[in-house]
Protein backbone atom coordinates (compact mmCIF):
# COMPACT_ATOMS: atom_id res chain seq x y z
CA MET A 1 -67.74 43.33 191.71
CA LYS A 2 -68.51 45.13 188.50
CA LYS A 3 -66.29 48.40 189.19
CA LEU A 4 -63.45 46.02 190.11
CA LEU A 5 -63.76 44.47 186.72
CA THR A 6 -64.40 47.41 184.31
CA ASN A 7 -61.62 49.56 185.77
CA ASN A 8 -58.63 47.74 187.27
CA PHE A 9 -56.21 48.21 183.63
CA SER A 10 -53.02 46.39 185.31
CA ILE A 11 -54.98 43.47 186.39
CA LYS A 12 -56.44 43.30 182.98
CA ILE A 13 -52.42 43.33 181.28
CA ILE A 14 -51.31 40.37 183.97
CA SER A 15 -53.98 38.20 183.09
CA LEU A 16 -52.69 38.54 179.41
CA ILE A 17 -49.22 37.84 179.99
CA LEU A 18 -50.04 34.86 181.79
CA ALA A 19 -52.44 33.91 179.19
CA VAL A 20 -49.23 34.03 176.33
CA LEU A 21 -47.03 32.38 179.05
CA PHE A 22 -49.31 29.45 179.82
CA TRP A 23 -50.05 29.11 176.07
CA GLY A 24 -45.97 28.71 174.84
CA LEU A 25 -45.38 26.21 178.33
CA ILE A 26 -48.52 23.93 176.61
CA VAL A 27 -46.78 24.27 173.24
CA ASN A 28 -43.46 23.59 174.06
CA ILE A 29 -44.82 20.21 176.58
CA TYR A 30 -46.34 18.75 173.65
CA ASP A 31 -44.19 19.97 170.62
CA PRO A 32 -41.09 21.47 171.70
CA SER A 33 -38.44 23.04 169.42
CA THR A 34 -35.44 20.57 168.76
CA GLU A 35 -32.31 20.70 166.19
CA VAL A 36 -30.55 17.89 164.63
CA THR A 37 -28.13 17.49 161.82
CA ILE A 38 -28.55 15.03 159.40
CA ALA A 39 -25.38 13.80 157.67
CA GLY A 40 -25.12 12.07 153.72
CA VAL A 41 -26.95 14.84 151.64
CA ASN A 42 -26.14 14.62 148.07
CA VAL A 43 -25.01 18.02 146.91
CA SER A 44 -26.33 18.76 142.97
CA LEU A 45 -24.55 20.97 140.48
CA ILE A 46 -27.07 23.18 138.24
CA ASN A 47 -26.36 25.47 135.32
CA ILE A 48 -23.27 23.57 134.55
CA GLU A 49 -23.66 24.75 130.77
CA SER A 50 -22.11 27.74 132.05
CA LEU A 51 -19.07 25.82 131.92
CA THR A 52 -19.65 23.11 129.25
CA ASP A 53 -20.15 26.25 126.54
CA LYS A 54 -16.83 27.65 127.29
CA ASN A 55 -15.96 24.02 126.50
CA TYR A 56 -14.45 23.71 130.22
CA SER A 57 -14.15 20.25 131.89
CA TYR A 58 -14.67 20.26 135.30
CA GLU A 59 -14.23 17.83 138.67
CA LEU A 60 -16.00 18.25 141.76
CA VAL A 61 -13.33 17.52 144.49
CA ASP A 62 -14.77 18.77 147.46
CA GLY A 63 -18.62 19.41 148.81
CA SER A 64 -20.18 16.26 147.00
CA LYS A 65 -21.87 15.20 150.30
CA ILE A 66 -22.55 17.21 153.04
CA SER A 67 -23.93 17.43 156.95
CA VAL A 68 -27.39 19.95 157.57
CA TYR A 69 -27.77 21.43 160.55
CA ILE A 70 -31.96 21.68 161.13
CA LYS A 71 -34.14 23.33 163.69
CA GLY A 72 -37.73 23.59 164.61
CA PRO A 73 -40.71 21.96 166.10
CA LYS A 74 -40.16 18.79 167.33
CA SER A 75 -43.27 17.10 165.46
CA VAL A 76 -41.54 18.07 161.70
CA ILE A 77 -38.28 18.17 162.37
CA THR A 78 -38.86 14.26 163.47
CA ASP A 79 -39.78 13.12 160.15
CA ILE A 80 -36.95 15.25 157.76
CA LYS A 81 -34.69 12.42 156.19
CA ALA A 82 -31.30 13.09 153.92
CA SER A 83 -33.53 12.28 151.30
CA ASP A 84 -35.98 15.36 151.89
CA ILE A 85 -33.03 17.88 151.81
CA VAL A 86 -32.36 19.65 148.60
CA ALA A 87 -28.89 20.78 148.42
CA VAL A 88 -27.81 22.21 144.96
CA ALA A 89 -24.39 24.43 143.93
CA ASP A 90 -25.38 26.89 141.04
CA VAL A 91 -22.60 27.15 138.80
CA SER A 92 -23.75 29.94 137.09
CA THR A 93 -23.43 32.10 140.28
CA MET A 94 -19.58 31.00 140.35
CA SER A 95 -16.56 33.97 139.36
CA GLU A 96 -14.36 32.99 136.51
CA PHE A 97 -11.93 33.67 138.97
CA SER A 98 -12.88 30.72 141.50
CA GLU A 99 -13.37 27.46 142.21
CA TYR A 100 -15.66 27.49 144.69
CA VAL A 101 -19.61 27.50 144.37
CA ASP A 102 -22.04 28.22 147.29
CA ILE A 103 -24.41 25.47 148.47
CA SER A 104 -27.79 26.39 149.10
CA VAL A 105 -30.36 24.05 151.33
CA LYS A 106 -34.21 23.78 151.84
CA VAL A 107 -36.38 21.07 153.14
CA VAL A 108 -38.93 19.69 150.81
CA LYS A 109 -41.55 16.84 151.58
CA ASN A 110 -44.44 15.91 149.56
CA GLY A 111 -43.47 18.33 147.01
CA LYS A 112 -43.70 21.11 149.08
CA GLN A 113 -40.61 23.17 150.82
CA VAL A 114 -41.38 23.05 154.45
CA LYS A 115 -41.43 26.20 156.36
CA ASN A 116 -40.78 27.50 159.81
CA ILE A 117 -37.09 25.75 160.43
CA GLU A 118 -33.83 26.97 159.85
CA VAL A 119 -32.21 24.82 157.61
CA ILE A 120 -28.30 25.59 157.38
CA PRO A 121 -25.39 23.80 155.46
CA ARG A 122 -22.51 22.86 157.99
CA THR A 123 -20.18 22.78 154.84
CA THR A 124 -21.08 25.89 152.65
CA VAL A 125 -19.48 25.36 149.53
CA VAL A 126 -18.44 22.84 146.79
CA LYS A 127 -14.54 22.61 145.05
CA LEU A 128 -14.66 22.55 141.49
CA ASP A 129 -11.35 21.45 139.60
CA ILE A 130 -11.64 23.39 136.50
CA GLU A 131 -9.41 22.45 133.15
CA ASN A 132 -9.22 24.65 129.83
CA ARG A 133 -9.73 27.65 131.61
CA LEU A 134 -6.56 30.00 131.39
CA THR A 135 -6.31 33.06 133.44
CA LYS A 136 -3.59 35.21 133.06
CA GLU A 137 -2.44 39.08 134.00
CA VAL A 138 -2.38 42.16 131.42
CA GLU A 139 -1.42 45.27 132.09
CA VAL A 140 -3.90 48.18 131.71
CA VAL A 141 -3.48 51.01 129.60
CA PRO A 142 -5.19 54.21 130.35
CA VAL A 143 -6.50 56.03 127.10
CA ALA A 144 -8.64 59.30 127.58
CA ILE A 145 -12.27 59.41 125.62
CA ASN A 146 -13.88 62.55 124.33
CA SER A 147 -11.99 65.78 124.31
CA PRO A 148 -11.11 68.27 127.18
CA SER A 149 -12.90 71.86 126.85
CA ASP A 150 -11.25 73.91 124.20
CA GLY A 151 -7.66 74.84 124.87
CA HIS A 152 -7.23 72.42 127.15
CA THR A 153 -5.24 69.06 127.08
CA VAL A 154 -4.96 65.65 128.91
CA THR A 155 -0.91 65.83 130.28
CA ASN A 156 -1.02 62.94 132.73
CA ILE A 157 -3.68 60.11 133.35
CA THR A 158 -3.17 57.85 136.56
CA LEU A 159 -4.52 54.54 137.53
CA GLU A 160 -5.41 53.02 140.84
CA ASN A 161 -4.45 49.82 139.48
CA THR A 162 -2.13 49.29 136.90
CA SER A 163 -3.10 45.18 136.02
CA VAL A 164 -6.02 42.96 135.73
CA LYS A 165 -6.71 39.67 135.65
CA ILE A 166 -8.64 38.03 132.52
CA ALA A 167 -9.84 34.33 132.30
CA GLY A 168 -11.50 32.34 129.90
CA PRO A 169 -10.70 29.60 127.05
CA SER A 170 -7.21 29.85 125.66
CA SER A 171 -8.33 30.80 122.46
CA ALA A 172 -10.53 33.66 123.70
CA ILE A 173 -7.55 34.97 126.39
CA GLU A 174 -4.55 34.43 123.69
CA ALA A 175 -6.55 36.85 121.26
CA VAL A 176 -6.18 39.72 124.07
CA SER A 177 -3.40 42.28 123.40
CA GLU A 178 -4.05 44.71 125.90
CA VAL A 179 -6.94 45.99 128.52
CA ARG A 180 -7.44 49.51 127.84
CA ALA A 181 -9.01 51.81 130.95
CA LEU A 182 -11.46 54.35 128.78
CA CYS A 183 -11.28 57.70 130.95
CA ASP A 184 -13.78 60.39 130.13
CA VAL A 185 -12.68 63.88 129.71
CA ALA A 186 -15.29 65.13 127.87
CA SER A 187 -15.53 69.29 128.09
CA ALA A 188 -12.53 69.09 131.21
CA THR A 189 -11.15 72.45 132.34
CA SER A 190 -10.06 71.02 135.33
CA ASN A 191 -8.06 67.61 136.96
CA VAL A 192 -10.99 64.72 136.54
CA SER A 193 -11.40 61.52 138.90
CA GLY A 194 -13.95 58.78 137.93
CA VAL A 195 -14.12 55.06 137.34
CA ALA A 196 -12.64 53.95 133.61
CA GLU A 197 -14.69 51.29 132.02
CA LEU A 198 -12.33 48.33 130.92
CA VAL A 199 -12.05 46.69 127.35
CA MET A 200 -9.65 44.34 126.02
CA ILE A 201 -8.09 44.73 123.20
CA ASP A 202 -6.44 42.46 120.24
CA LYS A 203 -3.31 42.92 118.66
CA ASP A 204 -4.65 44.87 115.67
CA GLY A 205 -6.37 47.30 118.29
CA ASN A 206 -9.87 46.00 117.81
CA GLN A 207 -11.90 46.04 121.14
CA ILE A 208 -13.14 42.03 121.43
CA ASN A 209 -16.50 42.10 122.69
CA ASP A 210 -16.13 37.91 123.30
CA THR A 211 -18.32 36.78 126.29
CA LEU A 212 -15.58 33.86 126.87
CA ALA A 213 -13.42 36.25 128.39
CA SER A 214 -13.90 37.89 131.13
CA LEU A 215 -12.28 40.64 133.42
CA SER A 216 -11.89 39.86 137.32
CA ILE A 217 -12.91 43.84 137.72
CA ALA A 218 -15.37 46.10 135.66
CA GLY A 219 -13.63 49.13 136.22
CA ILE A 220 -10.55 51.15 137.65
CA GLU A 221 -10.57 54.64 139.34
CA PHE A 222 -8.56 57.15 137.35
CA ASN A 223 -7.06 60.52 138.05
CA ALA A 224 -6.57 62.56 134.73
CA THR A 225 -4.74 65.68 134.80
CA ILE A 226 -6.05 68.71 132.60
CA GLU A 227 -3.77 71.70 131.74
CA GLY A 228 -4.34 74.56 129.28
CA GLU A 229 -2.39 74.61 126.00
CA LYS A 230 -1.42 77.26 123.45
CA THR A 231 0.35 78.34 120.27
CA ILE A 232 2.95 80.78 120.54
CA TRP A 233 5.09 82.50 118.27
CA ILE A 234 8.79 82.61 118.13
CA ALA A 235 11.46 85.53 117.08
CA VAL A 236 14.93 86.13 117.23
CA ALA A 237 16.42 89.88 117.90
CA GLU A 238 19.66 91.04 116.34
CA PRO A 239 23.19 89.32 116.74
CA SER A 240 24.99 90.44 119.31
CA GLY A 241 28.78 91.65 118.30
CA LYS A 242 30.67 92.48 115.44
CA VAL A 243 31.56 90.12 112.44
CA LYS A 244 35.09 89.82 111.16
CA ASP A 245 36.49 92.67 108.78
CA GLY A 246 35.31 91.47 105.48
CA ALA A 247 33.04 89.64 106.22
CA LYS A 248 28.93 90.49 106.77
CA ILE A 249 25.55 89.08 108.24
CA MET A 250 23.56 87.45 105.08
CA LYS A 251 20.53 86.62 107.73
CA THR A 252 19.14 84.98 110.84
CA SER A 253 16.91 82.09 110.84
CA LEU A 254 14.80 80.34 113.10
CA SER A 255 14.33 76.28 112.83
CA ALA A 256 10.67 77.02 114.08
CA SER A 257 8.62 80.03 114.25
CA LYS A 258 6.10 78.49 116.24
CA LEU A 259 5.73 76.77 119.82
CA GLU A 260 3.34 74.91 121.80
CA ILE A 261 3.07 75.39 125.20
CA MET A 262 0.79 73.81 128.15
CA GLY A 263 0.16 74.72 131.86
CA ASN A 264 -2.50 76.35 134.24
CA ASP A 265 -4.56 78.92 132.54
CA GLN A 266 -3.53 81.91 134.67
CA ALA A 267 0.18 81.32 133.58
CA LEU A 268 -0.92 81.00 129.94
CA ALA A 269 -3.05 84.42 129.26
CA GLN A 270 0.84 85.94 130.42
CA ILE A 271 2.71 84.99 127.25
CA ASP A 272 2.10 85.01 123.35
CA GLY A 273 5.20 84.81 122.07
CA ILE A 274 9.20 84.17 122.46
CA THR A 275 11.89 86.51 121.56
CA ILE A 276 15.45 84.80 121.88
CA PRO A 277 17.50 87.86 122.91
CA SER A 278 20.66 89.21 121.39
CA SER A 279 23.00 88.14 124.05
CA ALA A 280 22.33 84.33 123.39
CA ILE A 281 23.15 85.00 119.57
CA ASN A 282 26.90 86.58 120.14
CA ILE A 283 28.65 86.19 116.65
CA ASP A 284 31.78 88.57 117.84
CA GLY A 285 34.68 88.06 115.32
CA ALA A 286 32.90 85.15 113.10
CA ASP A 287 33.76 85.46 109.43
CA THR A 288 31.43 81.95 108.95
CA SER A 289 28.07 81.20 109.31
CA LYS A 290 27.13 79.93 112.87
CA LYS A 291 24.36 78.05 114.70
CA PHE A 292 23.01 78.81 118.20
CA THR A 293 20.76 75.67 120.34
CA ILE A 294 18.46 77.91 122.23
CA SER A 295 16.69 75.96 124.95
CA LEU A 296 12.72 77.36 125.04
CA SER A 297 11.94 76.74 128.29
CA ASP A 298 14.54 79.12 129.59
CA TYR A 299 12.10 81.79 128.21
CA LEU A 300 8.64 80.75 129.68
CA PRO A 301 6.76 81.66 132.82
CA ASN A 302 6.41 79.83 136.04
CA GLY A 303 3.68 77.30 135.41
CA VAL A 304 4.15 76.70 131.65
CA ARG A 305 6.44 74.29 129.73
CA THR A 306 6.85 73.41 126.36
CA LYS A 307 4.42 70.78 124.76
CA SER A 308 6.14 69.84 121.41
CA ILE A 309 9.75 71.00 120.59
CA ASN A 310 12.11 72.07 123.54
CA LYS A 311 14.77 73.92 121.35
CA VAL A 312 15.11 75.43 118.30
CA THR A 313 18.30 76.42 116.31
CA VAL A 314 19.22 80.05 115.69
CA THR A 315 21.39 80.33 111.83
CA VAL A 316 23.31 83.11 111.54
CA THR A 317 24.58 83.14 107.63
CA ILE A 318 27.71 85.16 107.65
CA SER A 319 29.90 85.37 104.25
CA ASP A 320 32.34 87.95 102.83
CA ASN A 321 31.09 91.22 100.98
CA ASP A 322 31.39 88.95 97.42
CA SER A 323 28.71 86.30 98.68
CA ILE A 324 25.47 86.12 97.85
CA ASN A 325 22.24 84.33 99.11
CA LEU A 326 20.21 82.77 96.86
CA SER A 327 16.47 81.13 96.98
CA ILE A 328 16.30 77.63 94.41
CA PRO A 329 12.45 76.66 94.14
CA THR A 330 12.84 73.24 95.59
CA ASP A 331 10.10 72.55 92.57
CA SER A 332 13.15 73.31 89.81
CA ILE A 333 15.46 70.51 91.67
CA LYS A 334 15.71 67.38 89.25
CA PHE A 335 15.38 64.17 90.40
CA ASN A 336 17.80 61.46 88.83
CA ASN A 337 18.18 57.59 88.57
CA LEU A 338 14.89 57.28 90.52
CA SER A 339 13.79 53.75 90.33
CA ASP A 340 10.58 52.54 88.07
CA GLY A 341 7.42 52.52 90.02
CA LEU A 342 8.47 55.21 92.53
CA GLU A 343 7.97 59.05 92.93
CA ALA A 344 9.87 61.27 95.11
CA LYS A 345 9.14 64.93 96.82
CA ILE A 346 10.79 67.17 98.96
CA LYS A 347 9.88 67.33 102.17
CA ASP A 348 8.34 70.72 103.81
CA GLU A 349 10.77 73.04 101.96
CA ASP A 350 9.70 75.27 99.43
CA ALA A 351 12.99 76.99 98.67
CA LEU A 352 16.56 75.92 99.23
CA ASN A 353 18.78 78.75 100.50
CA ILE A 354 22.37 78.96 98.97
CA LEU A 355 25.36 80.92 99.57
CA VAL A 356 27.73 81.46 96.36
CA THR A 357 30.66 83.60 95.38
CA SER A 358 32.32 84.37 92.13
CA ASP A 359 35.80 85.16 90.95
CA SER A 360 34.84 86.27 87.56
CA ILE A 361 31.49 88.21 87.83
CA ALA A 362 29.89 90.59 90.55
CA ALA A 363 27.97 88.53 92.92
CA SER A 364 24.84 90.44 92.49
CA ASP A 365 24.93 90.13 89.04
CA ILE A 366 24.49 85.86 89.72
CA LYS A 367 20.96 85.08 88.64
CA VAL A 368 18.96 81.95 90.09
CA SER A 369 17.59 80.98 86.68
CA ASP A 370 21.40 80.27 85.62
CA ILE A 371 21.90 77.78 88.05
CA THR A 372 20.42 74.36 87.83
CA ALA A 373 20.08 71.62 90.79
CA SER A 374 19.51 68.14 90.95
CA VAL A 375 20.04 65.05 93.44
CA ASN A 376 20.89 61.52 92.55
CA LEU A 377 18.19 59.06 94.08
CA THR A 378 20.29 55.59 92.62
CA GLY A 379 19.22 53.13 94.77
CA LEU A 380 17.02 54.45 97.34
CA VAL A 381 14.18 52.69 98.23
CA GLU A 382 10.50 54.00 99.69
CA GLY A 383 11.07 56.37 103.03
CA GLN A 384 12.55 59.46 103.58
CA HIS A 385 16.23 60.44 103.00
CA SER A 386 18.71 62.94 103.59
CA VAL A 387 20.40 63.65 99.85
CA PHE A 388 23.08 66.23 98.86
CA VAL A 389 22.22 68.41 95.65
CA SER A 390 24.54 68.99 92.94
CA PHE A 391 24.32 72.28 90.97
CA THR A 392 25.73 73.54 87.76
CA MET A 393 26.70 77.01 87.91
CA PRO A 394 27.77 79.54 85.72
CA GLU A 395 31.82 79.76 85.25
CA GLY A 396 33.67 81.18 88.07
CA VAL A 397 30.61 80.83 90.64
CA LYS A 398 31.11 78.31 93.55
CA LEU A 399 29.29 77.09 96.44
CA LYS A 400 30.35 78.30 100.11
CA GLU A 401 29.02 75.41 101.42
CA SER A 402 27.36 71.83 100.35
CA TYR A 403 23.62 71.42 100.95
CA LYS A 404 21.30 68.62 101.58
CA VAL A 405 17.68 68.32 100.83
CA PRO A 406 14.98 65.99 102.69
CA VAL A 407 13.44 63.59 99.90
CA ILE A 408 10.41 61.01 100.40
CA ILE A 409 10.33 58.47 98.42
CA SER A 410 7.18 56.30 97.96
CA LYS A 411 5.04 54.02 95.51
CA LYS A 412 3.50 55.59 92.60
CA THR A 413 -0.54 55.11 92.75
CA GLN A 414 -1.77 53.28 89.80
CA GLU A 415 -3.31 56.31 88.80
CA ASP A 416 0.06 58.15 88.55
CA GLN A 417 1.36 55.07 86.67
CA THR A 418 -1.54 55.10 83.99
CA LYS A 419 -0.51 58.80 83.63
CA THR A 420 3.08 58.19 83.09
CA SER A 421 2.59 55.61 80.74
CA THR A 422 -0.15 57.50 78.51
CA SER A 423 2.42 60.02 78.75
CA THR A 424 5.33 58.06 77.32
CA GLU A 425 3.08 56.97 74.77
CA THR A 426 2.11 60.07 73.53
CA GLN A 427 5.62 61.07 73.54
CA ALA A 428 6.59 58.33 71.30
CA SER A 429 3.74 58.43 69.14
CA ALA A 430 4.88 62.71 68.69
CA SER A 431 8.38 61.47 68.00
CA SER A 432 7.14 58.67 65.46
CA GLU A 433 4.94 61.20 63.67
CA SER A 434 7.51 63.77 63.33
CA GLY A 435 10.20 61.28 61.75
CA ARG A 436 8.16 60.77 58.83
């Protein structure tokens, strides 16, 4: 008998299983599990200040009373009433773009939550009608922030979404001019992908930090194309062809001497400059100046394109043998009839090249100091203007063509006006002293 009890392990296991089964059977007989659905449970809204702080008004239109399913021991379930069930909808968890709030439920008796029972709301959300809330869709503008590696530039940015919704009180939403996607390309040498932070911008270009306005999403995936960039020189070969007898080439000039290009690093390393060939500038039989518009893209290798200008103008100045090219310093050009309170300057030019001829003296004897130049600014206001230049020449000397200069007119600063006033007073005083 002792051997049977100590050595038969399988009998011990069977005995244990039977004991558990008997215990479960007894529990079920005396306190069985049961389930019930209780109707008429009131739902309370909590944290409503998340709405009222934004000056929203609201109405609970659906879900104010719900039914709740409960499952657990019969001894516990039997005593539960609708008043024991706490059902709440936390308004602060509601999305700015939604009208629904999730309902959570629990059973509380004698101030303590009842455990070891299953409590499930048959209706899972309440619906609110929210007034004074404005929602609109706004275009998203991609903006590169930080700089790529030296010698590289951002050539294109694409966004996963091109618009986003914003919501909030009308005053906050109406202040939003656009939404920007801040795409970080710091130190990039090749294409960049990531998630761009979204920010709201007002009409003055300032970021809006108003917590009353909300975005439907916090970020947008972006792809930025990064390419190399480089500045190269532009030159021009001698024109091809022969000018008409009695004429001669005075000079050949370019409208630009440098060009910004971009492309892949390998292709950029193959080019340092462009020389426009003679074949593109044919002046055969010409007896007057000629201009040629050259497309620079035609002289770039594959994988490289222009970043700034795409065309350049080649001017071949042609004249007869009695003509001469003179360079008039632009700071010697006088401004006539400029309105009070304004100042003028000639834009981006140190000298004006003119072509003159003479029927009385040799062209080589004509001097720049014998020529005066001026522009008439009568009635011109602030801004840039293209103005004809008037010249006073020595007798017998004539211009071969007319010339214009770009003049920028702007308001005088207070300091300039004070200097002008002081200068005028000094001159008047000197004139008075001289009169004495």
